[in-house]
Amino acid sequence: MDIRHTFGSNLKHYRTQANMSQAALAVKMGVDRAHVSAMERGQQNVTIVTLWHVAQALDVEPSVLLEGKQSG
């Protein structure tokens, strides 16, 4: 699987688990909701800084967003 799709799937999983909308996550990260949506669909090449911001906003370790299988 493409790492962008793995990241996007994990992002959606942990965002949903946190009971957070795309819009709420976007506000927390300081980005547009469409950017969050594109990341979840695997259409964005995210930077390491963006990876860090997503992890901080979702209160997870950055590494879990790159894992091939979701835990839980």
PDB file of N, CA and C in Angstrom:
ATOM      1  N   MET A   1       0.846  -1.191   0.000  1.00  0.00           N
ATOM      2  CA  MET A   1       0.000   0.000   0.000  1.00  0.00           C
ATOM      3  C   MET A   1       0.886   1.247   0.000  1.00  0.00           C
ATOM      4  N   ASP A   2       0.475   2.238  -0.723  1.00  0.00           N
ATOM      5  CA  ASP A   2       1.159   3.525  -0.783  1.00  0.00           C
ATOM      6  C   ASP A   2       1.173   4.157   0.611  1.00  0.00           C
ATOM      7  N   ILE A   3       2.322   4.675   1.031  1.00  0.00           N
ATOM      8  CA  ILE A   3       2.453   5.265   2.369  1.00  0.00           C
ATOM      9  C   ILE A   3       1.462   6.403   2.582  1.00  0.00           C
ATOM     10  N   ARG A   4       1.099   7.118   1.510  1.00  0.00           N
ATOM     11  CA  ARG A   4       0.120   8.205   1.649  1.00  0.00           C
ATOM     12  C   ARG A   4      -1.247   7.655   2.026  1.00  0.00           C
ATOM     13  N   HIS A   5      -1.598   6.489   1.472  1.00  0.00           N
ATOM     14  CA  HIS A   5      -2.880   5.873   1.823  1.00  0.00           C
ATOM     15  C   HIS A   5      -2.842   5.273   3.233  1.00  0.00           C
ATOM     16  N   THR A   6      -1.699   4.707   3.595  1.00  0.00           N
ATOM     17  CA  THR A   6      -1.537   4.184   4.960  1.00  0.00           C
ATOM     18  C   THR A   6      -1.690   5.313   5.969  1.00  0.00           C
ATOM     19  N   PHE A   7      -0.976   6.419   5.720  1.00  0.00           N
ATOM     20  CA  PHE A   7      -1.063   7.578   6.598  1.00  0.00           C
ATOM     21  C   PHE A   7      -2.496   8.100   6.656  1.00  0.00           C
ATOM     22  N   GLY A   8      -3.135   8.236   5.504  1.00  0.00           N
ATOM     23  CA  GLY A   8      -4.505   8.751   5.441  1.00  0.00           C
ATOM     24  C   GLY A   8      -5.491   7.876   6.186  1.00  0.00           C
ATOM     25  N   SER A   9      -5.354   6.571   6.020  1.00  0.00           N
ATOM     26  CA  SER A   9      -6.231   5.636   6.717  1.00  0.00           C
ATOM     27  C   SER A   9      -6.037   5.726   8.227  1.00  0.00           C
ATOM     28  N   ASN A  10      -4.772   5.790   8.643  1.00  0.00           N
ATOM     29  CA  ASN A  10      -4.493   5.923  10.077  1.00  0.00           C
ATOM     30  C   ASN A  10      -4.978   7.256  10.623  1.00  0.00           C
ATOM     31  N   LEU A  11      -4.782   8.312   9.854  1.00  0.00           N
ATOM     32  CA  LEU A  11      -5.260   9.633  10.262  1.00  0.00           C
ATOM     33  C   LEU A  11      -6.766   9.593  10.503  1.00  0.00           C
ATOM     34  N   LYS A  12      -7.509   9.047   9.555  1.00  0.00           N
ATOM     35  CA  LYS A  12      -8.960   8.967   9.705  1.00  0.00           C
ATOM     36  C   LYS A  12      -9.340   8.108  10.914  1.00  0.00           C
ATOM     37  N   HIS A  13      -8.644   6.978  11.094  1.00  0.00           N
ATOM     38  CA  HIS A  13      -8.924   6.086  12.226  1.00  0.00           C
ATOM     39  C   HIS A  13      -8.763   6.821  13.563  1.00  0.00           C
ATOM     40  N   TYR A  14      -7.612   7.464  13.750  1.00  0.00           N
ATOM     41  CA  TYR A  14      -7.350   8.123  15.031  1.00  0.00           C
ATOM     42  C   TYR A  14      -8.185   9.391  15.212  1.00  0.00           C
ATOM     43  N   ARG A  15      -8.501  10.073  14.119  1.00  0.00           N
ATOM     44  CA  ARG A  15      -9.387  11.243  14.215  1.00  0.00           C
ATOM     45  C   ARG A  15     -10.782  10.804  14.644  1.00  0.00           C
ATOM     46  N   THR A  16     -11.277   9.741  14.040  1.00  0.00           N
ATOM     47  CA  THR A  16     -12.593   9.212  14.392  1.00  0.00           C
ATOM     48  C   THR A  16     -12.601   8.696  15.828  1.00  0.00           C
ATOM     49  N   GLN A  17     -11.536   8.010  16.197  1.00  0.00           N
ATOM     50  CA  GLN A  17     -11.410   7.494  17.559  1.00  0.00           C
ATOM     51  C   GLN A  17     -11.429   8.641  18.583  1.00  0.00           C
ATOM     52  N   ALA A  18     -10.889   9.785  18.198  1.00  0.00           N
ATOM     53  CA  ALA A  18     -10.874  10.966  19.069  1.00  0.00           C
ATOM     54  C   ALA A  18     -12.193  11.734  19.007  1.00  0.00           C
ATOM     55  N   ASN A  19     -13.138  11.206  18.214  1.00  0.00           N
ATOM     56  CA  ASN A  19     -14.453  11.841  18.052  1.00  0.00           C
ATOM     57  C   ASN A  19     -14.297  13.288  17.570  1.00  0.00           C
ATOM     58  N   MET A  20     -13.439  13.454  16.577  1.00  0.00           N
ATOM     59  CA  MET A  20     -13.128  14.777  16.067  1.00  0.00           C
ATOM     60  C   MET A  20     -13.508  14.844  14.582  1.00  0.00           C
ATOM     61  N   SER A  21     -14.136  15.913  14.182  1.00  0.00           N
ATOM     62  CA  SER A  21     -14.467  16.106  12.766  1.00  0.00           C
ATOM     63  C   SER A  21     -13.224  16.565  12.008  1.00  0.00           C
ATOM     64  N   GLN A  22     -13.292  16.457  10.691  1.00  0.00           N
ATOM     65  CA  GLN A  22     -12.204  16.989   9.878  1.00  0.00           C
ATOM     66  C   GLN A  22     -12.029  18.479  10.135  1.00  0.00           C
ATOM     67  N   ALA A  23     -13.138  19.179  10.262  1.00  0.00           N
ATOM     68  CA  ALA A  23     -13.084  20.623  10.499  1.00  0.00           C
ATOM     69  C   ALA A  23     -12.409  20.951  11.829  1.00  0.00           C
ATOM     70  N   ALA A  24     -12.741  20.181  12.861  1.00  0.00           N
ATOM     71  CA  ALA A  24     -12.142  20.418  14.181  1.00  0.00           C
ATOM     72  C   ALA A  24     -10.642  20.145  14.153  1.00  0.00           C
ATOM     73  N   LEU A  25     -10.248  19.075  13.470  1.00  0.00           N
ATOM     74  CA  LEU A  25      -8.822  18.777  13.355  1.00  0.00           C
ATOM     75  C   LEU A  25      -8.116  19.870  12.573  1.00  0.00           C
ATOM     76  N   ALA A  26      -8.748  20.333  11.515  1.00  0.00           N
ATOM     77  CA  ALA A  26      -8.162  21.404  10.705  1.00  0.00           C
ATOM     78  C   ALA A  26      -7.927  22.658  11.533  1.00  0.00           C
ATOM     79  N   VAL A  27      -8.897  23.026  12.343  1.00  0.00           N
ATOM     80  CA  VAL A  27      -8.754  24.209  13.207  1.00  0.00           C
ATOM     81  C   VAL A  27      -7.594  24.005  14.172  1.00  0.00           C
ATOM     82  N   LYS A  28      -7.511  22.819  14.763  1.00  0.00           N
ATOM     83  CA  LYS A  28      -6.458  22.525  15.727  1.00  0.00           C
ATOM     84  C   LYS A  28      -5.068  22.588  15.082  1.00  0.00           C
ATOM     85  N   MET A  29      -5.012  22.217  13.791  1.00  0.00           N
ATOM     86  CA  MET A  29      -3.738  22.222  13.074  1.00  0.00           C
ATOM     87  C   MET A  29      -3.452  23.545  12.378  1.00  0.00           C
ATOM     88  N   GLY A  30      -4.476  24.395  12.224  1.00  0.00           N
ATOM     89  CA  GLY A  30      -4.298  25.656  11.521  1.00  0.00           C
ATOM     90  C   GLY A  30      -4.273  25.498  10.007  1.00  0.00           C
ATOM     91  N   VAL A  31      -5.025  24.502   9.505  1.00  0.00           N
ATOM     92  CA  VAL A  31      -5.115  24.268   8.063  1.00  0.00           C
ATOM     93  C   VAL A  31      -6.582  24.251   7.648  1.00  0.00           C
ATOM     94  N   ASP A  32      -6.815  24.165   6.362  1.00  0.00           N
ATOM     95  CA  ASP A  32      -8.166  24.085   5.829  1.00  0.00           C
ATOM     96  C   ASP A  32      -8.702  22.662   5.942  1.00  0.00           C
ATOM     97  N   ARG A  33     -10.014  22.520   6.122  1.00  0.00           N
ATOM     98  CA  ARG A  33     -10.629  21.194   6.217  1.00  0.00           C
ATOM     99  C   ARG A  33     -10.352  20.361   4.970  1.00  0.00           C
ATOM    100  N   ALA A  34     -10.319  21.004   3.811  1.00  0.00           N
ATOM    101  CA  ALA A  34     -10.045  20.294   2.567  1.00  0.00           C
ATOM    102  C   ALA A  34      -8.656  19.650   2.584  1.00  0.00           C
ATOM    103  N   HIS A  35      -7.715  20.269   3.279  1.00  0.00           N
ATOM    104  CA  HIS A  35      -6.370  19.702   3.399  1.00  0.00           C
ATOM    105  C   HIS A  35      -6.416  18.407   4.205  1.00  0.00           C
ATOM    106  N   VAL A  36      -7.170  18.401   5.294  1.00  0.00           N
ATOM    107  CA  VAL A  36      -7.334  17.190   6.102  1.00  0.00           C
ATOM    108  C   VAL A  36      -7.994  16.107   5.260  1.00  0.00           C
ATOM    109  N   SER A  37      -9.020  16.477   4.524  1.00  0.00           N
ATOM    110  CA  SER A  37      -9.712  15.526   3.663  1.00  0.00           C
ATOM    111  C   SER A  37      -8.765  14.916   2.632  1.00  0.00           C
ATOM    112  N   ALA A  38      -7.955  15.749   2.000  1.00  0.00           N
ATOM    113  CA  ALA A  38      -7.007  15.263   0.995  1.00  0.00           C
ATOM    114  C   ALA A  38      -5.963  14.341   1.621  1.00  0.00           C
ATOM    115  N   MET A  39      -5.522  14.645   2.837  1.00  0.00           N
ATOM    116  CA  MET A  39      -4.572  13.759   3.527  1.00  0.00           C
ATOM    117  C   MET A  39      -5.216  12.407   3.784  1.00  0.00           C
ATOM    118  N   GLU A  40      -6.463  12.410   4.246  1.00  0.00           N
ATOM    119  CA  GLU A  40      -7.154  11.157   4.535  1.00  0.00           C
ATOM    120  C   GLU A  40      -7.362  10.316   3.276  1.00  0.00           C
ATOM    121  N   ARG A  41      -7.514  10.956   2.145  1.00  0.00           N
ATOM    122  CA  ARG A  41      -7.696  10.237   0.881  1.00  0.00           C
ATOM    123  C   ARG A  41      -6.367   9.835   0.242  1.00  0.00           C
ATOM    124  N   GLY A  42      -5.258  10.173   0.881  1.00  0.00           N
ATOM    125  CA  GLY A  42      -3.945   9.812   0.357  1.00  0.00           C
ATOM    126  C   GLY A  42      -3.527  10.645  -0.832  1.00  0.00           C
ATOM    127  N   GLN A  43      -4.050  11.852  -0.936  1.00  0.00           N
ATOM    128  CA  GLN A  43      -3.754  12.716  -2.069  1.00  0.00           C
ATOM    129  C   GLN A  43      -2.730  13.795  -1.744  1.00  0.00           C
ATOM    130  N   GLN A  44      -2.167  13.762  -0.554  1.00  0.00           N
ATOM    131  CA  GLN A  44      -1.176  14.756  -0.147  1.00  0.00           C
ATOM    132  C   GLN A  44       0.133  14.077   0.216  1.00  0.00           C
ATOM    133  N   ASN A  45       1.229  14.644  -0.245  1.00  0.00           N
ATOM    134  CA  ASN A  45       2.543  14.250   0.243  1.00  0.00           C
ATOM    135  C   ASN A  45       2.816  15.122   1.463  1.00  0.00           C
ATOM    136  N   VAL A  46       2.607  14.579   2.640  1.00  0.00           N
ATOM    137  CA  VAL A  46       2.767  15.394   3.845  1.00  0.00           C
ATOM    138  C   VAL A  46       4.238  15.485   4.232  1.00  0.00           C
ATOM    139  N   THR A  47       4.594  16.612   4.797  1.00  0.00           N
ATOM    140  CA  THR A  47       5.957  16.795   5.288  1.00  0.00           C
ATOM    141  C   THR A  47       6.074  16.193   6.682  1.00  0.00           C
ATOM    142  N   ILE A  48       7.291  16.059   7.129  1.00  0.00           N
ATOM    143  CA  ILE A  48       7.543  15.560   8.483  1.00  0.00           C
ATOM    144  C   ILE A  48       6.949  16.519   9.514  1.00  0.00           C
ATOM    145  N   VAL A  49       6.934  17.802   9.192  1.00  0.00           N
ATOM    146  CA  VAL A  49       6.353  18.800  10.096  1.00  0.00           C
ATOM    147  C   VAL A  49       4.837  18.601  10.172  1.00  0.00           C
ATOM    148  N   THR A  50       4.206  18.361   9.033  1.00  0.00           N
ATOM    149  CA  THR A  50       2.762  18.102   9.034  1.00  0.00           C
ATOM    150  C   THR A  50       2.457  16.828   9.810  1.00  0.00           C
ATOM    151  N   LEU A  51       3.266  15.795   9.616  1.00  0.00           N
ATOM    152  CA  LEU A  51       3.101  14.552  10.377  1.00  0.00           C
ATOM    153  C   LEU A  51       3.127  14.851  11.878  1.00  0.00           C
ATOM    154  N   TRP A  52       4.069  15.671  12.295  1.00  0.00           N
ATOM    155  CA  TRP A  52       4.191  16.043  13.704  1.00  0.00           C
ATOM    156  C   TRP A  52       2.947  16.794  14.185  1.00  0.00           C
ATOM    157  N   HIS A  53       2.458  17.739  13.379  1.00  0.00           N
ATOM    158  CA  HIS A  53       1.282  18.519  13.767  1.00  0.00           C
ATOM    159  C   HIS A  53       0.031  17.646  13.873  1.00  0.00           C
ATOM    160  N   VAL A  54      -0.129  16.712  12.953  1.00  0.00           N
ATOM    161  CA  VAL A  54      -1.263  15.782  13.025  1.00  0.00           C
ATOM    162  C   VAL A  54      -1.169  14.966  14.306  1.00  0.00           C
ATOM    163  N   ALA A  55       0.002  14.422  14.573  1.00  0.00           N
ATOM    164  CA  ALA A  55       0.192  13.601  15.772  1.00  0.00           C
ATOM    165  C   ALA A  55      -0.093  14.400  17.045  1.00  0.00           C
ATOM    166  N   GLN A  56       0.383  15.625  17.098  1.00  0.00           N
ATOM    167  CA  GLN A  56       0.133  16.469  18.268  1.00  0.00           C
ATOM    168  C   GLN A  56      -1.357  16.765  18.422  1.00  0.00           C
ATOM    169  N   ALA A  57      -2.019  17.065  17.329  1.00  0.00           N
ATOM    170  CA  ALA A  57      -3.445  17.391  17.373  1.00  0.00           C
ATOM    171  C   ALA A  57      -4.290  16.196  17.805  1.00  0.00           C
ATOM    172  N   LEU A  58      -3.843  14.983  17.438  1.00  0.00           N
ATOM    173  CA  LEU A  58      -4.598  13.773  17.786  1.00  0.00           C
ATOM    174  C   LEU A  58      -4.080  13.100  19.054  1.00  0.00           C
ATOM    175  N   ASP A  59      -3.018  13.649  19.634  1.00  0.00           N
ATOM    176  CA  ASP A  59      -2.410  13.100  20.849  1.00  0.00           C
ATOM    177  C   ASP A  59      -1.984  11.641  20.661  1.00  0.00           C
ATOM    178  N   VAL A  60      -1.270  11.403  19.557  1.00  0.00           N
ATOM    179  CA  VAL A  60      -0.706  10.082  19.278  1.00  0.00           C
ATOM    180  C   VAL A  60       0.758  10.256  18.901  1.00  0.00           C
ATOM    181  N   GLU A  61       1.504   9.168  18.939  1.00  0.00           N
ATOM    182  CA  GLU A  61       2.889   9.195  18.491  1.00  0.00           C
ATOM    183  C   GLU A  61       2.906   9.274  16.965  1.00  0.00           C
ATOM    184  N   PRO A  62       3.803  10.050  16.386  1.00  0.00           N
ATOM    185  CA  PRO A  62       3.862  10.143  14.926  1.00  0.00           C
ATOM    186  C   PRO A  62       4.004   8.781  14.244  1.00  0.00           C
ATOM    187  N   SER A  63       4.724   7.876  14.865  1.00  0.00           N
ATOM    188  CA  SER A  63       4.967   6.569  14.250  1.00  0.00           C
ATOM    189  C   SER A  63       3.682   5.780  14.002  1.00  0.00           C
ATOM    190  N   VAL A  64       2.679   5.942  14.854  1.00  0.00           N
ATOM    191  CA  VAL A  64       1.443   5.162  14.663  1.00  0.00           C
ATOM    192  C   VAL A  64       0.710   5.583  13.406  1.00  0.00           C
ATOM    193  N   LEU A  65       0.970   6.788  12.943  1.00  0.00           N
ATOM    194  CA  LEU A  65       0.308   7.263  11.727  1.00  0.00           C
ATOM    195  C   LEU A  65       0.932   6.674  10.475  1.00  0.00           C
ATOM    196  N   LEU A  66       2.069   6.009  10.630  1.00  0.00           N
ATOM    197  CA  LEU A  66       2.759   5.402   9.496  1.00  0.00           C
ATOM    198  C   LEU A  66       2.717   3.878   9.516  1.00  0.00           C
ATOM    199  N   GLU A  67       2.154   3.308  10.571  1.00  0.00           N
ATOM    200  CA  GLU A  67       2.106   1.858  10.701  1.00  0.00           C
ATOM    201  C   GLU A  67       1.163   1.247   9.674  1.00  0.00           C
ATOM    202  N   GLY A  68       1.551   0.080   9.179  1.00  0.00           N
ATOM    203  CA  GLY A  68       0.762  -0.614   8.175  1.00  0.00           C
ATOM    204  C   GLY A  68      -0.594  -1.089   8.667  1.00  0.00           C
ATOM    205  N   LYS A  69      -0.681  -1.432   9.927  1.00  0.00           N
ATOM    206  CA  LYS A  69      -1.962  -1.868  10.506  1.00  0.00           C
ATOM    207  C   LYS A  69      -2.246  -1.028  11.719  1.00  0.00           C
ATOM    208  N   GLN A  70      -3.542  -0.648  11.855  1.00  0.00           N
ATOM    209  CA  GLN A  70      -3.957   0.166  12.991  1.00  0.00           C
ATOM    210  C   GLN A  70      -4.077  -0.714  14.222  1.00  0.00           C
ATOM    211  N   SER A  71      -3.684  -0.152  15.356  1.00  0.00           N
ATOM    212  CA  SER A  71      -3.869  -0.864  16.617  1.00  0.00           C
ATOM    213  C   SER A  71      -5.222  -0.513  17.190  1.00  0.00           C
ATOM    214  N   GLY A  72      -5.742  -1.398  18.006  1.00  0.00           N
ATOM    215  CA  GLY A  72      -7.021  -1.112  18.661  1.00  0.00           C
ATOM    216  C   GLY A  72      -8.097  -1.647  17.871  1.00  0.00           C
TER     217      GLY A  72
END
